[in-house]
Amino acid sequence: MQRPEFYVIVYDIEKDRRRAKVAKLLEQVGERVQYSVFELWLTQEELHSLTRRLEQHVVPDEDSVRIYYLCGSCREKIRNLGKAVVAAPPGVRIV
C-alpha cells in the first residue's frame, strides 16, 4: 500500500461557480488552511484522481491551480506565525 505524501494546493479561479466546485472537491480530501489554500495527504493514485477531477472545472486561459509536493524534510521546515497549524499526517486509513 502506498504511503500518503504531503501536498499544498492553491488556486485562483475566476468564476464563482467554478471556484465553489474546486473548493468542494478539495474540502473532501484535504484541510483548508486559507481561503484558497489546502493541505492534503494523498497517495500518488489519489493525487492522480484528484488532478483529473480538478481539470474538469479549470479553464486553462482563466484559472490557475498549483500543486506543491513537500517532502518530509521540507515539511519539517514549515514555519507558522499566529494560530496556523500544519495538517497532521493521517492516522489509520481503512481502504
PDB file of N, CA and C in Angstrom:
ATOM      1  N   MET A   1       0.840  -1.186   0.000  1.00  0.00           N
ATOM      2  CA  MET A   1       0.000   0.000   0.000  1.00  0.00           C
ATOM      3  C   MET A   1       0.886   1.252   0.000  1.00  0.00           C
ATOM      4  N   GLN A   2       0.516   2.208  -0.811  1.00  0.00           N
ATOM      5  CA  GLN A   2       1.274   3.451  -0.903  1.00  0.00           C
ATOM      6  C   GLN A   2       1.086   4.296   0.347  1.00  0.00           C
ATOM      7  N   ARG A   3       2.162   4.954   0.734  1.00  0.00           N
ATOM      8  CA  ARG A   3       2.062   5.904   1.844  1.00  0.00           C
ATOM      9  C   ARG A   3       1.647   7.259   1.293  1.00  0.00           C
ATOM     10  N   PRO A   4       0.746   7.939   1.986  1.00  0.00           N
ATOM     11  CA  PRO A   4       0.364   9.270   1.523  1.00  0.00           C
ATOM     12  C   PRO A   4       1.520  10.259   1.679  1.00  0.00           C
ATOM     13  N   GLU A   5       1.561  11.211   0.782  1.00  0.00           N
ATOM     14  CA  GLU A   5       2.564  12.264   0.819  1.00  0.00           C
ATOM     15  C   GLU A   5       1.858  13.601   0.999  1.00  0.00           C
ATOM     16  N   PHE A   6       2.627  14.597   1.415  1.00  0.00           N
ATOM     17  CA  PHE A   6       2.067  15.890   1.785  1.00  0.00           C
ATOM     18  C   PHE A   6       2.101  16.855   0.596  1.00  0.00           C
ATOM     19  N   TYR A   7       0.956  17.465   0.314  1.00  0.00           N
ATOM     20  CA  TYR A   7       0.831  18.421  -0.782  1.00  0.00           C
ATOM     21  C   TYR A   7       0.148  19.686  -0.291  1.00  0.00           C
ATOM     22  N   VAL A   8       0.484  20.771  -0.948  1.00  0.00           N
ATOM     23  CA  VAL A   8      -0.218  22.041  -0.758  1.00  0.00           C
ATOM     24  C   VAL A   8      -0.798  22.397  -2.123  1.00  0.00           C
ATOM     25  N   ILE A   9      -2.092  22.662  -2.153  1.00  0.00           N
ATOM     26  CA  ILE A   9      -2.750  23.058  -3.397  1.00  0.00           C
ATOM     27  C   ILE A   9      -3.328  24.459  -3.201  1.00  0.00           C
ATOM     28  N   VAL A  10      -3.002  25.325  -4.137  1.00  0.00           N
ATOM     29  CA  VAL A  10      -3.514  26.695  -4.117  1.00  0.00           C
ATOM     30  C   VAL A  10      -4.202  26.975  -5.451  1.00  0.00           C
ATOM     31  N   TYR A  11      -5.190  27.827  -5.421  1.00  0.00           N
ATOM     32  CA  TYR A  11      -5.895  28.106  -6.666  1.00  0.00           C
ATOM     33  C   TYR A  11      -6.315  29.555  -6.745  1.00  0.00           C
ATOM     34  N   ASP A  12      -6.492  29.982  -7.987  1.00  0.00           N
ATOM     35  CA  ASP A  12      -7.067  31.285  -8.312  1.00  0.00           C
ATOM     36  C   ASP A  12      -8.034  31.021  -9.457  1.00  0.00           C
ATOM     37  N   ILE A  13      -9.301  30.912  -9.128  1.00  0.00           N
ATOM     38  CA  ILE A  13     -10.338  30.569 -10.096  1.00  0.00           C
ATOM     39  C   ILE A  13     -11.189  31.808 -10.333  1.00  0.00           C
ATOM     40  N   GLU A  14     -11.340  32.180 -11.587  1.00  0.00           N
ATOM     41  CA  GLU A  14     -12.011  33.440 -11.932  1.00  0.00           C
ATOM     42  C   GLU A  14     -13.507  33.457 -11.609  1.00  0.00           C
ATOM     43  N   LYS A  15     -14.229  32.441 -11.987  1.00  0.00           N
ATOM     44  CA  LYS A  15     -15.695  32.431 -11.845  1.00  0.00           C
ATOM     45  C   LYS A  15     -16.119  31.787 -10.525  1.00  0.00           C
ATOM     46  N   ASP A  16     -17.114  32.397  -9.874  1.00  0.00           N
ATOM     47  CA  ASP A  16     -17.587  31.914  -8.572  1.00  0.00           C
ATOM     48  C   ASP A  16     -18.030  30.455  -8.604  1.00  0.00           C
ATOM     49  N   ARG A  17     -18.786  30.089  -9.617  1.00  0.00           N
ATOM     50  CA  ARG A  17     -19.317  28.720  -9.680  1.00  0.00           C
ATOM     51  C   ARG A  17     -18.199  27.686  -9.783  1.00  0.00           C
ATOM     52  N   ARG A  18     -17.226  27.931 -10.655  1.00  0.00           N
ATOM     53  CA  ARG A  18     -16.085  27.012 -10.787  1.00  0.00           C
ATOM     54  C   ARG A  18     -15.272  26.996  -9.500  1.00  0.00           C
ATOM     55  N   ARG A  19     -15.076  28.165  -8.897  1.00  0.00           N
ATOM     56  CA  ARG A  19     -14.320  28.262  -7.653  1.00  0.00           C
ATOM     57  C   ARG A  19     -14.983  27.422  -6.561  1.00  0.00           C
ATOM     58  N   ALA A  20     -16.286  27.484  -6.469  1.00  0.00           N
ATOM     59  CA  ALA A  20     -17.012  26.711  -5.459  1.00  0.00           C
ATOM     60  C   ALA A  20     -16.852  25.208  -5.695  1.00  0.00           C
ATOM     61  N   LYS A  21     -16.881  24.791  -6.943  1.00  0.00           N
ATOM     62  CA  LYS A  21     -16.725  23.365  -7.254  1.00  0.00           C
ATOM     63  C   LYS A  21     -15.326  22.877  -6.911  1.00  0.00           C
ATOM     64  N   VAL A  22     -14.320  23.683  -7.226  1.00  0.00           N
ATOM     65  CA  VAL A  22     -12.941  23.311  -6.889  1.00  0.00           C
ATOM     66  C   VAL A  22     -12.776  23.235  -5.370  1.00  0.00           C
ATOM     67  N   ALA A  23     -13.292  24.211  -4.668  1.00  0.00           N
ATOM     68  CA  ALA A  23     -13.192  24.211  -3.206  1.00  0.00           C
ATOM     69  C   ALA A  23     -13.879  22.983  -2.613  1.00  0.00           C
ATOM     70  N   LYS A  24     -15.052  22.635  -3.127  1.00  0.00           N
ATOM     71  CA  LYS A  24     -15.779  21.468  -2.617  1.00  0.00           C
ATOM     72  C   LYS A  24     -14.983  20.191  -2.832  1.00  0.00           C
ATOM     73  N   LEU A  25     -14.371  20.038  -4.001  1.00  0.00           N
ATOM     74  CA  LEU A  25     -13.533  18.865  -4.262  1.00  0.00           C
ATOM     75  C   LEU A  25     -12.386  18.773  -3.260  1.00  0.00           C
ATOM     76  N   LEU A  26     -11.717  19.905  -3.044  1.00  0.00           N
ATOM     77  CA  LEU A  26     -10.564  19.908  -2.152  1.00  0.00           C
ATOM     78  C   LEU A  26     -10.967  19.703  -0.691  1.00  0.00           C
ATOM     79  N   GLU A  27     -12.114  20.229  -0.301  1.00  0.00           N
ATOM     80  CA  GLU A  27     -12.593  20.030   1.075  1.00  0.00           C
ATOM     81  C   GLU A  27     -12.869  18.562   1.371  1.00  0.00           C
ATOM     82  N   GLN A  28     -13.182  17.783   0.356  1.00  0.00           N
ATOM     83  CA  GLN A  28     -13.454  16.360   0.539  1.00  0.00           C
ATOM     84  C   GLN A  28     -12.199  15.557   0.852  1.00  0.00           C
ATOM     85  N   VAL A  29     -11.039  16.066   0.454  1.00  0.00           N
ATOM     86  CA  VAL A  29      -9.809  15.272   0.613  1.00  0.00           C
ATOM     87  C   VAL A  29      -8.717  15.962   1.412  1.00  0.00           C
ATOM     88  N   GLY A  30      -8.898  17.240   1.727  1.00  0.00           N
ATOM     89  CA  GLY A  30      -7.841  17.960   2.423  1.00  0.00           C
ATOM     90  C   GLY A  30      -8.381  18.911   3.458  1.00  0.00           C
ATOM     91  N   GLU A  31      -7.460  19.666   4.009  1.00  0.00           N
ATOM     92  CA  GLU A  31      -7.797  20.633   5.051  1.00  0.00           C
ATOM     93  C   GLU A  31      -7.559  22.041   4.521  1.00  0.00           C
ATOM     94  N   ARG A  32      -8.592  22.862   4.581  1.00  0.00           N
ATOM     95  CA  ARG A  32      -8.462  24.254   4.135  1.00  0.00           C
ATOM     96  C   ARG A  32      -7.690  25.015   5.203  1.00  0.00           C
ATOM     97  N   VAL A  33      -6.585  25.663   4.784  1.00  0.00           N
ATOM     98  CA  VAL A  33      -5.777  26.420   5.739  1.00  0.00           C
ATOM     99  C   VAL A  33      -5.816  27.923   5.462  1.00  0.00           C
ATOM    100  N   GLN A  34      -6.247  28.295   4.285  1.00  0.00           N
ATOM    101  CA  GLN A  34      -6.503  29.674   3.898  1.00  0.00           C
ATOM    102  C   GLN A  34      -7.663  29.600   2.917  1.00  0.00           C
ATOM    103  N   TYR A  35      -8.186  30.735   2.510  1.00  0.00           N
ATOM    104  CA  TYR A  35      -9.360  30.721   1.643  1.00  0.00           C
ATOM    105  C   TYR A  35      -9.142  29.872   0.391  1.00  0.00           C
ATOM    106  N   SER A  36      -8.020  30.016  -0.261  1.00  0.00           N
ATOM    107  CA  SER A  36      -7.761  29.251  -1.485  1.00  0.00           C
ATOM    108  C   SER A  36      -6.508  28.385  -1.371  1.00  0.00           C
ATOM    109  N   VAL A  37      -6.220  27.914  -0.161  1.00  0.00           N
ATOM    110  CA  VAL A  37      -5.047  27.077   0.096  1.00  0.00           C
ATOM    111  C   VAL A  37      -5.468  25.856   0.906  1.00  0.00           C
ATOM    112  N   PHE A  38      -5.073  24.683   0.407  1.00  0.00           N
ATOM    113  CA  PHE A  38      -5.391  23.428   1.081  1.00  0.00           C
ATOM    114  C   PHE A  38      -4.124  22.624   1.314  1.00  0.00           C
ATOM    115  N   GLU A  39      -4.086  21.909   2.445  1.00  0.00           N
ATOM    116  CA  GLU A  39      -3.036  20.937   2.735  1.00  0.00           C
ATOM    117  C   GLU A  39      -3.679  19.558   2.655  1.00  0.00           C
ATOM    118  N   LEU A  40      -2.980  18.649   1.988  1.00  0.00           N
ATOM    119  CA  LEU A  40      -3.552  17.327   1.748  1.00  0.00           C
ATOM    120  C   LEU A  40      -2.497  16.242   1.929  1.00  0.00           C
ATOM    121  N   TRP A  41      -2.919  15.111   2.417  1.00  0.00           N
ATOM    122  CA  TRP A  41      -2.106  13.896   2.464  1.00  0.00           C
ATOM    123  C   TRP A  41      -2.708  12.940   1.452  1.00  0.00           C
ATOM    124  N   LEU A  42      -1.976  12.664   0.361  1.00  0.00           N
ATOM    125  CA  LEU A  42      -2.506  11.871  -0.731  1.00  0.00           C
ATOM    126  C   LEU A  42      -1.492  10.850  -1.206  1.00  0.00           C
ATOM    127  N   THR A  43      -1.986   9.680  -1.629  1.00  0.00           N
ATOM    128  CA  THR A  43      -1.131   8.735  -2.344  1.00  0.00           C
ATOM    129  C   THR A  43      -1.023   9.229  -3.781  1.00  0.00           C
ATOM    130  N   GLN A  44      -0.126   8.633  -4.550  1.00  0.00           N
ATOM    131  CA  GLN A  44       0.006   9.017  -5.957  1.00  0.00           C
ATOM    132  C   GLN A  44      -1.293   8.752  -6.712  1.00  0.00           C
ATOM    133  N   GLU A  45      -1.961   7.658  -6.407  1.00  0.00           N
ATOM    134  CA  GLU A  45      -3.231   7.344  -7.061  1.00  0.00           C
ATOM    135  C   GLU A  45      -4.295   8.388  -6.719  1.00  0.00           C
ATOM    136  N   GLU A  46      -4.362   8.778  -5.459  1.00  0.00           N
ATOM    137  CA  GLU A  46      -5.337   9.788  -5.042  1.00  0.00           C
ATOM    138  C   GLU A  46      -5.044  11.134  -5.697  1.00  0.00           C
ATOM    139  N   LEU A  47      -3.770  11.479  -5.776  1.00  0.00           N
ATOM    140  CA  LEU A  47      -3.388  12.734  -6.425  1.00  0.00           C
ATOM    141  C   LEU A  47      -3.776  12.710  -7.900  1.00  0.00           C
ATOM    142  N   HIS A  48      -3.521  11.611  -8.565  1.00  0.00           N
ATOM    143  CA  HIS A  48      -3.862  11.490  -9.982  1.00  0.00           C
ATOM    144  C   HIS A  48      -5.376  11.626 -10.179  1.00  0.00           C
ATOM    145  N   SER A  49      -6.146  10.961  -9.348  1.00  0.00           N
ATOM    146  CA  SER A  49      -7.605  11.042  -9.432  1.00  0.00           C
ATOM    147  C   SER A  49      -8.099  12.466  -9.178  1.00  0.00           C
ATOM    148  N   LEU A  50      -7.565  13.102  -8.147  1.00  0.00           N
ATOM    149  CA  LEU A  50      -7.959  14.474  -7.820  1.00  0.00           C
ATOM    150  C   LEU A  50      -7.595  15.419  -8.961  1.00  0.00           C
ATOM    151  N   THR A  51      -6.425  15.261  -9.532  1.00  0.00           N
ATOM    152  CA  THR A  51      -5.990  16.118 -10.636  1.00  0.00           C
ATOM    153  C   THR A  51      -6.948  15.997 -11.820  1.00  0.00           C
ATOM    154  N   ARG A  52      -7.345  14.772 -12.141  1.00  0.00           N
ATOM    155  CA  ARG A  52      -8.303  14.574 -13.243  1.00  0.00           C
ATOM    156  C   ARG A  52      -9.621  15.275 -12.948  1.00  0.00           C
ATOM    157  N   ARG A  53     -10.101  15.177 -11.707  1.00  0.00           N
ATOM    158  CA  ARG A  53     -11.369  15.827 -11.350  1.00  0.00           C
ATOM    159  C   ARG A  53     -11.240  17.347 -11.384  1.00  0.00           C
ATOM    160  N   LEU A  54     -10.101  17.871 -10.903  1.00  0.00           N
ATOM    161  CA  LEU A  54      -9.899  19.321 -10.926  1.00  0.00           C
ATOM    162  C   LEU A  54      -9.864  19.850 -12.354  1.00  0.00           C
ATOM    163  N   GLU A  55      -9.235  19.106 -13.251  1.00  0.00           N
ATOM    164  CA  GLU A  55      -9.118  19.543 -14.640  1.00  0.00           C
ATOM    165  C   GLU A  55     -10.482  19.754 -15.298  1.00  0.00           C
ATOM    166  N   GLN A  56     -11.503  19.072 -14.806  1.00  0.00           N
ATOM    167  CA  GLN A  56     -12.847  19.218 -15.365  1.00  0.00           C
ATOM    168  C   GLN A  56     -13.458  20.580 -15.044  1.00  0.00           C
ATOM    169  N   HIS A  57     -12.925  21.271 -14.045  1.00  0.00           N
ATOM    170  CA  HIS A  57     -13.507  22.544 -13.601  1.00  0.00           C
ATOM    171  C   HIS A  57     -12.614  23.758 -13.873  1.00  0.00           C
ATOM    172  N   VAL A  58     -11.419  23.513 -14.370  1.00  0.00           N
ATOM    173  CA  VAL A  58     -10.462  24.599 -14.586  1.00  0.00           C
ATOM    174  C   VAL A  58     -10.445  24.993 -16.061  1.00  0.00           C
ATOM    175  N   VAL A  59     -10.554  26.281 -16.305  1.00  0.00           N
ATOM    176  CA  VAL A  59     -10.430  26.818 -17.662  1.00  0.00           C
ATOM    177  C   VAL A  59      -8.991  27.336 -17.786  1.00  0.00           C
ATOM    178  N   PRO A  60      -8.177  26.668 -18.612  1.00  0.00           N
ATOM    179  CA  PRO A  60      -6.754  26.988 -18.672  1.00  0.00           C
ATOM    180  C   PRO A  60      -6.415  28.455 -18.946  1.00  0.00           C
ATOM    181  N   ASP A  61      -7.216  29.137 -19.749  1.00  0.00           N
ATOM    182  CA  ASP A  61      -6.923  30.533 -20.085  1.00  0.00           C
ATOM    183  C   ASP A  61      -7.366  31.517 -19.008  1.00  0.00           C
ATOM    184  N   GLU A  62      -8.122  31.034 -18.009  1.00  0.00           N
ATOM    185  CA  GLU A  62      -8.664  31.929 -16.992  1.00  0.00           C
ATOM    186  C   GLU A  62      -8.233  31.586 -15.569  1.00  0.00           C
ATOM    187  N   ASP A  63      -7.981  30.322 -15.301  1.00  0.00           N
ATOM    188  CA  ASP A  63      -7.775  29.861 -13.928  1.00  0.00           C
ATOM    189  C   ASP A  63      -6.361  29.340 -13.706  1.00  0.00           C
ATOM    190  N   SER A  64      -6.028  29.198 -12.442  1.00  0.00           N
ATOM    191  CA  SER A  64      -4.726  28.663 -12.062  1.00  0.00           C
ATOM    192  C   SER A  64      -4.881  27.775 -10.833  1.00  0.00           C
ATOM    193  N   VAL A  65      -4.346  26.559 -10.925  1.00  0.00           N
ATOM    194  CA  VAL A  65      -4.266  25.654  -9.775  1.00  0.00           C
ATOM    195  C   VAL A  65      -2.822  25.178  -9.705  1.00  0.00           C
ATOM    196  N   ARG A  66      -2.228  25.316  -8.530  1.00  0.00           N
ATOM    197  CA  ARG A  66      -0.848  24.873  -8.322  1.00  0.00           C
ATOM    198  C   ARG A  66      -0.826  23.785  -7.265  1.00  0.00           C
ATOM    199  N   ILE A  67      -0.075  22.738  -7.554  1.00  0.00           N
ATOM    200  CA  ILE A  67       0.051  21.616  -6.628  1.00  0.00           C
ATOM    201  C   ILE A  67       1.520  21.507  -6.245  1.00  0.00           C
ATOM    202  N   TYR A  68       1.792  21.712  -4.962  1.00  0.00           N
ATOM    203  CA  TYR A  68       3.162  21.658  -4.458  1.00  0.00           C
ATOM    204  C   TYR A  68       3.340  20.409  -3.608  1.00  0.00           C
ATOM    205  N   TYR A  69       4.356  19.621  -3.930  1.00  0.00           N
ATOM    206  CA  TYR A  69       4.722  18.471  -3.120  1.00  0.00           C
ATOM    207  C   TYR A  69       5.761  18.929  -2.105  1.00  0.00           C
ATOM    208  N   LEU A  70       5.564  18.582  -0.850  1.00  0.00           N
ATOM    209  CA  LEU A  70       6.554  18.891   0.175  1.00  0.00           C
ATOM    210  C   LEU A  70       7.086  17.590   0.759  1.00  0.00           C
ATOM    211  N   CYS A  71       8.368  17.334   0.572  1.00  0.00           N
ATOM    212  CA  CYS A  71       8.981  16.127   1.125  1.00  0.00           C
ATOM    213  C   CYS A  71       9.014  16.238   2.654  1.00  0.00           C
ATOM    214  N   GLY A  72       9.322  15.124   3.316  1.00  0.00           N
ATOM    215  CA  GLY A  72       9.319  15.101   4.773  1.00  0.00           C
ATOM    216  C   GLY A  72      10.221  16.155   5.390  1.00  0.00           C
ATOM    217  N   SER A  73      11.438  16.287   4.859  1.00  0.00           N
ATOM    218  CA  SER A  73      12.355  17.269   5.442  1.00  0.00           C
ATOM    219  C   SER A  73      11.902  18.696   5.136  1.00  0.00           C
ATOM    220  N   CYS A  74      11.259  18.907   3.986  1.00  0.00           N
ATOM    221  CA  CYS A  74      10.718  20.238   3.662  1.00  0.00           C
ATOM    222  C   CYS A  74       9.543  20.572   4.580  1.00  0.00           C
ATOM    223  N   ARG A  75       8.703  19.590   4.829  1.00  0.00           N
ATOM    224  CA  ARG A  75       7.534  19.801   5.688  1.00  0.00           C
ATOM    225  C   ARG A  75       7.982  20.196   7.092  1.00  0.00           C
ATOM    226  N   GLU A  76       9.050  19.594   7.569  1.00  0.00           N
ATOM    227  CA  GLU A  76       9.568  19.915   8.900  1.00  0.00           C
ATOM    228  C   GLU A  76      10.055  21.351   9.000  1.00  0.00           C
ATOM    229  N   LYS A  77      10.352  21.972   7.875  1.00  0.00           N
ATOM    230  CA  LYS A  77      10.865  23.345   7.863  1.00  0.00           C
ATOM    231  C   LYS A  77       9.770  24.402   7.745  1.00  0.00           C
ATOM    232  N   ILE A  78       8.524  23.964   7.680  1.00  0.00           N
ATOM    233  CA  ILE A  78       7.421  24.930   7.602  1.00  0.00           C
ATOM    234  C   ILE A  78       7.385  25.736   8.889  1.00  0.00           C
ATOM    235  N   ARG A  79       7.284  27.027   8.765  1.00  0.00           N
ATOM    236  CA  ARG A  79       7.206  27.909   9.932  1.00  0.00           C
ATOM    237  C   ARG A  79       5.853  28.595   9.922  1.00  0.00           C
ATOM    238  N   ASN A  80       5.199  28.578  11.061  1.00  0.00           N
ATOM    239  CA  ASN A  80       3.881  29.189  11.207  1.00  0.00           C
ATOM    240  C   ASN A  80       3.966  30.394  12.119  1.00  0.00           C
ATOM    241  N   LEU A  81       3.190  31.384  11.810  1.00  0.00           N
ATOM    242  CA  LEU A  81       3.035  32.545  12.668  1.00  0.00           C
ATOM    243  C   LEU A  81       1.571  32.624  13.067  1.00  0.00           C
ATOM    244  N   GLY A  82       1.302  32.996  14.267  1.00  0.00           N
ATOM    245  CA  GLY A  82      -0.084  33.089  14.708  1.00  0.00           C
ATOM    246  C   GLY A  82      -0.660  31.722  15.006  1.00  0.00           C
ATOM    247  N   LYS A  83      -1.937  31.548  14.714  1.00  0.00           N
ATOM    248  CA  LYS A  83      -2.636  30.330  15.094  1.00  0.00           C
ATOM    249  C   LYS A  83      -2.526  29.214  14.062  1.00  0.00           C
ATOM    250  N   ALA A  84      -1.743  29.402  13.029  1.00  0.00           N
ATOM    251  CA  ALA A  84      -1.617  28.407  11.963  1.00  0.00           C
ATOM    252  C   ALA A  84      -1.059  27.089  12.485  1.00  0.00           C
ATOM    253  N   VAL A  85      -1.619  25.986  11.987  1.00  0.00           N
ATOM    254  CA  VAL A  85      -1.154  24.647  12.322  1.00  0.00           C
ATOM    255  C   VAL A  85      -1.089  23.849  11.025  1.00  0.00           C
ATOM    256  N   VAL A  86       0.021  23.153  10.799  1.00  0.00           N
ATOM    257  CA  VAL A  86       0.175  22.334   9.598  1.00  0.00           C
ATOM    258  C   VAL A  86      -0.666  21.073   9.753  1.00  0.00           C
ATOM    259  N   ALA A  87      -1.326  20.648   8.690  1.00  0.00           N
ATOM    260  CA  ALA A  87      -2.161  19.445   8.726  1.00  0.00           C
ATOM    261  C   ALA A  87      -1.337  18.245   9.161  1.00  0.00           C
ATOM    262  N   ALA A  88      -1.841  17.530  10.139  1.00  0.00           N
ATOM    263  CA  ALA A  88      -1.150  16.354  10.678  1.00  0.00           C
ATOM    264  C   ALA A  88      -1.230  15.195   9.698  1.00  0.00           C
ATOM    265  N   PRO A  89      -0.239  14.303   9.754  1.00  0.00           N
ATOM    266  CA  PRO A  89      -0.312  13.107   8.907  1.00  0.00           C
ATOM    267  C   PRO A  89      -1.573  12.302   9.231  1.00  0.00           C
ATOM    268  N   PRO A  90      -2.080  11.588   8.256  1.00  0.00           N
ATOM    269  CA  PRO A  90      -3.295  10.815   8.509  1.00  0.00           C
ATOM    270  C   PRO A  90      -3.018   9.698   9.502  1.00  0.00           C
ATOM    271  N   GLY A  91      -4.035   9.364  10.256  1.00  0.00           N
ATOM    272  CA  GLY A  91      -3.942   8.244  11.187  1.00  0.00           C
ATOM    273  C   GLY A  91      -4.215   6.949  10.475  1.00  0.00           C
ATOM    274  N   VAL A  92      -4.954   6.094  11.078  1.00  0.00           N
ATOM    275  CA  VAL A  92      -5.308   4.817  10.469  1.00  0.00           C
ATOM    276  C   VAL A  92      -6.198   5.063   9.278  1.00  0.00           C
ATOM    277  N   ARG A  93      -5.870   4.417   8.176  1.00  0.00           N
ATOM    278  CA  ARG A  93      -6.658   4.552   6.958  1.00  0.00           C
ATOM    279  C   ARG A  93      -7.230   3.203   6.604  1.00  0.00           C
ATOM    280  N   ILE A  94      -8.542   3.119   6.488  1.00  0.00           N
ATOM    281  CA  ILE A  94      -9.210   1.891   6.076  1.00  0.00           C
ATOM    282  C   ILE A  94      -9.623   2.044   4.637  1.00  0.00           C
ATOM    283  N   VAL A  95      -9.171   1.156   3.801  1.00  0.00           N
ATOM    284  CA  VAL A  95      -9.449   1.256   2.368  1.00  0.00           C
ATOM    285  C   VAL A  95     -10.440   0.186   1.972  1.00  0.00           C
TER     286      VAL A  95
END
